[in-house]
Amino acid sequence: MAKYWAFYLKDDVSRRFRELPAASAKKQIRARDYPVTVEVEADDEYGAWSLLQAFGSGQPGEPAGRAFGVGDALETEDGRLLLCMFGGYEAASWWVPEPGPEAAASAAEPLPDASPAPPPDPPPSS
């Protein structure tokens, strides 16, 4: 059995996500939109989906209070990110912000040489 980490999309974002046409849904997801994480063990991602349906009953102590569904994501042990869509899972990636102009400028500057300076020559003896 493999381990999966389930990421539940925030409710307000989830409603908007479900209203989007499937073709226009972004495949880059933001970590800030997925505050709840659950770890499950299953044979495959569809087995994980089946196990996560039990979280939909709204019982106290359940992590999300709702079943795993469209817009939620699974991460595999090998780092693959799978976004739950209407017809199954699609490959996704975590959104990483582009560096600002300051970071880009500093990246373009050469780094100083990290090797230590040679010791100074000893003074001539008389």
N, C-alpha and C. Protein backbone atom coordinates (compact mmCIF):
# COMPACT_ATOMS: atom_id res chain seq x y z
N MET A 1 0.83 -1.18 0.00
CA MET A 1 0.00 0.00 0.00
C MET A 1 0.88 1.24 0.00
N ALA A 2 0.39 2.24 -0.68
CA ALA A 2 1.13 3.50 -0.80
C ALA A 2 0.50 4.56 0.10
N LYS A 3 1.31 5.52 0.50
CA LYS A 3 0.81 6.65 1.29
C LYS A 3 0.41 7.77 0.35
N TYR A 4 -0.66 8.43 0.70
CA TYR A 4 -1.14 9.60 -0.03
C TYR A 4 -1.44 10.70 0.97
N TRP A 5 -1.18 11.93 0.56
CA TRP A 5 -1.56 13.08 1.36
C TRP A 5 -2.68 13.77 0.62
N ALA A 6 -3.82 13.89 1.28
CA ALA A 6 -4.99 14.52 0.68
C ALA A 6 -5.04 15.98 1.13
N PHE A 7 -5.21 16.87 0.17
CA PHE A 7 -5.30 18.30 0.43
C PHE A 7 -6.71 18.76 0.07
N TYR A 8 -7.42 19.28 1.07
CA TYR A 8 -8.79 19.75 0.87
C TYR A 8 -8.79 21.23 0.51
N LEU A 9 -9.41 21.55 -0.59
CA LEU A 9 -9.53 22.93 -1.04
C LEU A 9 -10.49 23.69 -0.12
N LYS A 10 -10.15 24.96 0.19
CA LYS A 10 -11.03 25.78 1.02
C LYS A 10 -12.42 25.82 0.41
N ASP A 11 -13.44 25.88 1.27
CA ASP A 11 -14.83 25.84 0.80
C ASP A 11 -15.16 26.95 -0.19
N ASP A 12 -14.77 28.20 0.10
CA ASP A 12 -15.12 29.30 -0.81
C ASP A 12 -14.44 29.14 -2.16
N VAL A 13 -13.21 28.68 -2.18
CA VAL A 13 -12.49 28.46 -3.43
C VAL A 13 -13.05 27.23 -4.14
N SER A 14 -13.45 26.23 -3.36
CA SER A 14 -13.99 25.00 -3.93
C SER A 14 -15.26 25.26 -4.73
N ARG A 15 -16.14 26.11 -4.21
CA ARG A 15 -17.37 26.43 -4.93
C ARG A 15 -17.07 27.07 -6.28
N ARG A 16 -16.13 28.01 -6.29
CA ARG A 16 -15.75 28.66 -7.56
C ARG A 16 -15.10 27.67 -8.51
N PHE A 17 -14.27 26.77 -7.97
CA PHE A 17 -13.57 25.79 -8.80
C PHE A 17 -14.56 24.88 -9.51
N ARG A 18 -15.59 24.43 -8.79
CA ARG A 18 -16.58 23.53 -9.38
C ARG A 18 -17.41 24.21 -10.46
N GLU A 19 -17.51 25.53 -10.43
CA GLU A 19 -18.28 26.26 -11.44
C GLU A 19 -17.51 26.46 -12.74
N LEU A 20 -16.19 26.31 -12.70
CA LEU A 20 -15.36 26.50 -13.89
C LEU A 20 -15.54 25.34 -14.87
N PRO A 21 -15.48 25.63 -16.18
CA PRO A 21 -15.44 24.51 -17.14
C PRO A 21 -14.16 23.72 -16.90
N ALA A 22 -14.22 22.41 -17.04
CA ALA A 22 -13.06 21.55 -16.74
C ALA A 22 -11.83 21.94 -17.53
N ALA A 23 -11.99 22.38 -18.77
CA ALA A 23 -10.84 22.72 -19.61
C ALA A 23 -10.12 23.97 -19.11
N SER A 24 -10.83 24.87 -18.42
CA SER A 24 -10.20 26.11 -17.99
C SER A 24 -9.62 26.03 -16.58
N ALA A 25 -9.81 24.93 -15.90
CA ALA A 25 -9.30 24.79 -14.53
C ALA A 25 -7.78 24.82 -14.54
N LYS A 26 -7.22 25.57 -13.61
CA LYS A 26 -5.76 25.69 -13.52
C LYS A 26 -5.19 24.40 -12.96
N LYS A 27 -4.07 23.99 -13.49
CA LYS A 27 -3.42 22.78 -13.00
C LYS A 27 -2.26 23.11 -12.06
N GLN A 28 -2.09 24.40 -11.78
CA GLN A 28 -1.12 24.81 -10.76
C GLN A 28 -1.93 25.26 -9.56
N ILE A 29 -1.68 24.64 -8.43
CA ILE A 29 -2.47 24.96 -7.26
C ILE A 29 -1.63 25.64 -6.20
N ARG A 30 -2.30 26.48 -5.41
CA ARG A 30 -1.61 27.27 -4.38
C ARG A 30 -1.78 26.59 -3.02
N ALA A 31 -0.69 26.43 -2.31
CA ALA A 31 -0.73 25.77 -1.00
C ALA A 31 -1.65 26.51 -0.04
N ARG A 32 -1.77 27.83 -0.16
CA ARG A 32 -2.61 28.59 0.77
C ARG A 32 -4.10 28.25 0.63
N ASP A 33 -4.49 27.68 -0.52
CA ASP A 33 -5.88 27.30 -0.74
C ASP A 33 -6.21 25.91 -0.20
N TYR A 34 -5.22 25.22 0.35
CA TYR A 34 -5.39 23.84 0.83
C TYR A 34 -4.92 23.73 2.28
N PRO A 35 -5.70 24.25 3.23
CA PRO A 35 -5.25 24.28 4.63
C PRO A 35 -5.32 22.94 5.35
N VAL A 36 -6.15 22.00 4.89
CA VAL A 36 -6.34 20.74 5.60
C VAL A 36 -5.65 19.61 4.84
N THR A 37 -4.86 18.83 5.57
CA THR A 37 -4.15 17.71 4.98
C THR A 37 -4.46 16.46 5.78
N VAL A 38 -4.71 15.37 5.07
CA VAL A 38 -4.98 14.08 5.69
C VAL A 38 -4.07 13.05 5.04
N GLU A 39 -3.51 12.16 5.82
CA GLU A 39 -2.67 11.09 5.27
C GLU A 39 -3.48 9.80 5.26
N VAL A 40 -3.46 9.11 4.12
CA VAL A 40 -4.16 7.83 4.00
C VAL A 40 -3.24 6.83 3.30
N GLU A 41 -3.52 5.55 3.52
CA GLU A 41 -2.81 4.48 2.81
C GLU A 41 -3.82 3.75 1.95
N ALA A 42 -3.47 3.56 0.67
CA ALA A 42 -4.37 2.89 -0.26
C ALA A 42 -3.55 2.25 -1.36
N ASP A 43 -4.21 1.37 -2.14
CA ASP A 43 -3.54 0.71 -3.24
C ASP A 43 -3.25 1.67 -4.39
N ASP A 44 -4.16 2.60 -4.65
CA ASP A 44 -3.97 3.58 -5.72
C ASP A 44 -4.76 4.84 -5.37
N GLU A 45 -4.70 5.84 -6.26
CA GLU A 45 -5.37 7.11 -5.97
C GLU A 45 -6.89 6.96 -5.89
N TYR A 46 -7.46 6.01 -6.60
CA TYR A 46 -8.90 5.81 -6.54
C TYR A 46 -9.31 5.10 -5.25
N GLY A 47 -8.43 4.27 -4.73
CA GLY A 47 -8.66 3.68 -3.41
C GLY A 47 -8.60 4.74 -2.33
N ALA A 48 -7.68 5.68 -2.48
CA ALA A 48 -7.58 6.80 -1.54
C ALA A 48 -8.85 7.64 -1.60
N TRP A 49 -9.34 7.88 -2.81
CA TRP A 49 -10.58 8.66 -2.98
C TRP A 49 -11.72 7.96 -2.24
N SER A 50 -11.81 6.65 -2.39
CA SER A 50 -12.88 5.88 -1.75
C SER A 50 -12.78 5.99 -0.22
N LEU A 51 -11.58 5.87 0.32
CA LEU A 51 -11.40 6.00 1.77
C LEU A 51 -11.77 7.39 2.26
N LEU A 52 -11.45 8.40 1.47
CA LEU A 52 -11.70 9.78 1.88
C LEU A 52 -13.16 10.18 1.80
N GLN A 53 -13.99 9.36 1.19
CA GLN A 53 -15.42 9.64 1.15
C GLN A 53 -16.03 9.54 2.55
N ALA A 54 -15.40 8.80 3.43
CA ALA A 54 -15.89 8.65 4.80
C ALA A 54 -15.81 9.96 5.58
N PHE A 55 -14.99 10.90 5.13
CA PHE A 55 -14.84 12.16 5.84
C PHE A 55 -16.00 13.12 5.57
N GLY A 56 -16.97 12.71 4.78
CA GLY A 56 -18.05 13.61 4.42
C GLY A 56 -19.24 13.59 5.35
N SER A 57 -19.22 12.80 6.38
CA SER A 57 -20.40 12.70 7.23
C SER A 57 -20.55 13.84 8.22
N GLY A 58 -19.50 14.68 8.36
CA GLY A 58 -19.57 15.83 9.26
C GLY A 58 -19.44 15.47 10.73
N GLN A 59 -18.89 14.31 11.04
CA GLN A 59 -18.71 13.91 12.43
C GLN A 59 -17.64 14.77 13.09
N PRO A 60 -17.77 15.06 14.39
CA PRO A 60 -16.73 15.83 15.08
C PRO A 60 -15.39 15.10 15.01
N GLY A 61 -14.35 15.87 14.86
CA GLY A 61 -13.01 15.30 14.81
C GLY A 61 -12.55 14.94 13.40
N GLU A 62 -13.45 15.00 12.44
CA GLU A 62 -13.03 14.73 11.06
C GLU A 62 -12.28 15.95 10.55
N PRO A 63 -11.22 15.73 9.78
CA PRO A 63 -10.37 16.84 9.38
C PRO A 63 -11.04 17.86 8.48
N ALA A 64 -11.83 17.44 7.52
CA ALA A 64 -12.38 18.40 6.58
C ALA A 64 -13.88 18.61 6.75
N GLY A 65 -14.57 17.67 7.33
CA GLY A 65 -16.00 17.79 7.48
C GLY A 65 -16.77 17.59 6.19
N ARG A 66 -16.08 17.17 5.15
CA ARG A 66 -16.75 16.89 3.88
C ARG A 66 -15.98 15.83 3.12
N ALA A 67 -16.65 15.22 2.18
CA ALA A 67 -16.02 14.17 1.38
C ALA A 67 -14.98 14.79 0.44
N PHE A 68 -14.00 14.00 0.09
CA PHE A 68 -12.97 14.39 -0.87
C PHE A 68 -13.65 14.52 -2.23
N GLY A 69 -13.39 15.60 -2.94
CA GLY A 69 -14.07 15.78 -4.22
C GLY A 69 -13.35 16.68 -5.19
N VAL A 70 -14.08 17.18 -6.15
CA VAL A 70 -13.55 18.01 -7.22
C VAL A 70 -12.84 19.22 -6.64
N GLY A 71 -11.61 19.45 -7.10
CA GLY A 71 -10.80 20.56 -6.63
C GLY A 71 -9.82 20.18 -5.54
N ASP A 72 -10.04 19.06 -4.88
CA ASP A 72 -9.11 18.59 -3.86
C ASP A 72 -7.94 17.91 -4.56
N ALA A 73 -6.85 17.70 -3.84
CA ALA A 73 -5.64 17.14 -4.47
C ALA A 73 -5.04 16.04 -3.61
N LEU A 74 -4.35 15.14 -4.29
CA LEU A 74 -3.60 14.07 -3.63
C LEU A 74 -2.14 14.20 -4.02
N GLU A 75 -1.26 14.00 -3.06
CA GLU A 75 0.17 13.95 -3.35
C GLU A 75 0.66 12.55 -3.02
N THR A 76 1.43 11.97 -3.93
CA THR A 76 1.93 10.61 -3.76
C THR A 76 3.27 10.64 -3.03
N GLU A 77 3.71 9.46 -2.62
CA GLU A 77 5.00 9.36 -1.93
C GLU A 77 6.16 9.84 -2.80
N ASP A 78 6.03 9.65 -4.11
CA ASP A 78 7.12 10.09 -5.00
C ASP A 78 6.98 11.55 -5.43
N GLY A 79 6.04 12.29 -4.85
CA GLY A 79 5.93 13.72 -5.10
C GLY A 79 4.98 14.12 -6.22
N ARG A 80 4.31 13.15 -6.86
CA ARG A 80 3.35 13.52 -7.90
C ARG A 80 2.14 14.16 -7.24
N LEU A 81 1.62 15.20 -7.87
CA LEU A 81 0.44 15.89 -7.37
C LEU A 81 -0.69 15.64 -8.34
N LEU A 82 -1.81 15.15 -7.82
CA LEU A 82 -2.96 14.79 -8.63
C LEU A 82 -4.16 15.62 -8.20
N LEU A 83 -4.76 16.31 -9.15
CA LEU A 83 -5.91 17.16 -8.89
C LEU A 83 -7.18 16.39 -9.23
N CYS A 84 -8.10 16.31 -8.29
CA CYS A 84 -9.36 15.61 -8.51
C CYS A 84 -10.26 16.47 -9.39
N MET A 85 -10.61 15.93 -10.56
CA MET A 85 -11.46 16.64 -11.51
C MET A 85 -12.76 15.86 -11.66
N PHE A 86 -13.65 16.33 -12.51
CA PHE A 86 -14.95 15.69 -12.69
C PHE A 86 -14.83 14.27 -13.25
N GLY A 87 -13.84 14.01 -14.09
CA GLY A 87 -13.71 12.70 -14.72
C GLY A 87 -12.55 11.88 -14.22
N GLY A 88 -11.96 12.23 -13.11
CA GLY A 88 -10.82 11.49 -12.58
C GLY A 88 -9.76 12.45 -12.08
N TYR A 89 -8.52 12.00 -12.10
CA TYR A 89 -7.41 12.83 -11.64
C TYR A 89 -6.62 13.37 -12.83
N GLU A 90 -6.07 14.56 -12.65
CA GLU A 90 -5.17 15.14 -13.64
C GLU A 90 -3.91 15.60 -12.93
N ALA A 91 -2.78 15.49 -13.63
CA ALA A 91 -1.51 15.92 -13.07
C ALA A 91 -1.55 17.42 -12.79
N ALA A 92 -0.97 17.81 -11.68
CA ALA A 92 -0.93 19.22 -11.29
C ALA A 92 0.44 19.52 -10.70
N SER A 93 0.65 20.76 -10.36
CA SER A 93 1.90 21.15 -9.70
C SER A 93 1.58 22.28 -8.72
N TRP A 94 2.45 22.43 -7.74
CA TRP A 94 2.30 23.52 -6.79
C TRP A 94 2.73 24.81 -7.46
N TRP A 95 1.98 25.86 -7.27
CA TRP A 95 2.30 27.17 -7.82
C TRP A 95 3.46 27.77 -7.03
N VAL A 96 4.46 28.25 -7.76
CA VAL A 96 5.62 28.89 -7.14
C VAL A 96 5.71 30.29 -7.73
N PRO A 97 5.70 31.34 -6.88
CA PRO A 97 5.75 32.70 -7.42
C PRO A 97 7.06 32.96 -8.15
N GLU A 98 6.95 33.79 -9.19
CA GLU A 98 8.16 34.18 -9.92
C GLU A 98 8.92 35.17 -9.05
N PRO A 99 10.26 35.13 -9.13
CA PRO A 99 11.04 36.07 -8.32
C PRO A 99 10.81 37.50 -8.81
N GLY A 100 10.79 38.43 -7.86
CA GLY A 100 10.61 39.84 -8.19
C GLY A 100 11.82 40.40 -8.90
N PRO A 101 11.75 41.66 -9.34
CA PRO A 101 12.88 42.25 -10.08
C PRO A 101 14.17 42.31 -9.25
N GLU A 102 14.03 42.51 -7.93
CA GLU A 102 15.24 42.57 -7.09
C GLU A 102 15.95 41.22 -7.07
N ALA A 103 15.17 40.14 -6.95
CA ALA A 103 15.76 38.81 -6.90
C ALA A 103 16.38 38.45 -8.24
N ALA A 104 15.74 38.87 -9.34
CA ALA A 104 16.27 38.58 -10.66
C ALA A 104 17.58 39.33 -10.88
N ALA A 105 17.67 40.58 -10.41
CA ALA A 105 18.89 41.37 -10.57
C ALA A 105 20.03 40.78 -9.76
N SER A 106 19.74 40.36 -8.53
CA SER A 106 20.81 39.79 -7.71
C SER A 106 21.26 38.44 -8.23
N ALA A 107 20.37 37.72 -8.89
CA ALA A 107 20.74 36.42 -9.46
C ALA A 107 21.64 36.61 -10.67
N ALA A 108 21.52 37.75 -11.35
CA ALA A 108 22.34 38.01 -12.53
C ALA A 108 23.76 38.42 -12.16
N GLU A 109 23.95 38.94 -10.95
CA GLU A 109 25.29 39.36 -10.52
C GLU A 109 26.14 38.13 -10.21
N PRO A 110 27.41 38.16 -10.61
CA PRO A 110 28.27 37.02 -10.29
C PRO A 110 28.50 36.91 -8.79
N LEU A 111 28.58 35.71 -8.30
CA LEU A 111 28.85 35.49 -6.89
C LEU A 111 30.33 35.69 -6.61
N PRO A 112 30.67 36.24 -5.45
CA PRO A 112 32.09 36.38 -5.12
C PRO A 112 32.74 35.00 -4.98
N ASP A 113 34.04 34.96 -5.25
CA ASP A 113 34.78 33.72 -5.15
C ASP A 113 34.79 33.27 -3.69
N ALA A 114 34.37 32.06 -3.45
CA ALA A 114 34.26 31.56 -2.08
C ALA A 114 35.57 30.93 -1.58
N SER A 115 36.57 30.81 -2.44
CA SER A 115 37.82 30.20 -1.99
C SER A 115 38.59 31.18 -1.11
N PRO A 116 39.29 30.67 -0.10
CA PRO A 116 40.01 31.58 0.80
C PRO A 116 41.19 32.23 0.08
N ALA A 117 41.49 33.44 0.53
CA ALA A 117 42.62 34.18 -0.07
C ALA A 117 43.92 33.53 0.39
N PRO A 118 44.93 33.51 -0.50
CA PRO A 118 46.21 32.94 -0.09
C PRO A 118 46.84 33.80 0.99
N PRO A 119 47.66 33.20 1.86
CA PRO A 119 48.29 33.98 2.92
C PRO A 119 49.26 34.98 2.31
N PRO A 120 49.48 36.13 2.95
CA PRO A 120 50.42 37.12 2.41
C PRO A 120 51.84 36.59 2.45
N ASP A 121 52.65 37.09 1.54
CA ASP A 121 54.06 36.69 1.51
C ASP A 121 54.75 37.21 2.78
N PRO A 122 55.67 36.41 3.33
CA PRO A 122 56.39 36.90 4.52
C PRO A 122 57.31 38.05 4.13
N PRO A 123 57.55 38.96 5.06
CA PRO A 123 58.45 40.10 4.76
C PRO A 123 59.88 39.57 4.51
N PRO A 124 60.61 40.25 3.62
CA PRO A 124 61.99 39.79 3.35
C PRO A 124 62.85 39.91 4.62
N SER A 125 63.69 38.92 4.83
CA SER A 125 64.55 38.98 6.01
C SER A 125 65.84 39.71 5.65
N SER A 126 66.42 40.43 6.60
CA SER A 126 67.63 41.19 6.34
C SER A 126 68.86 40.53 6.81
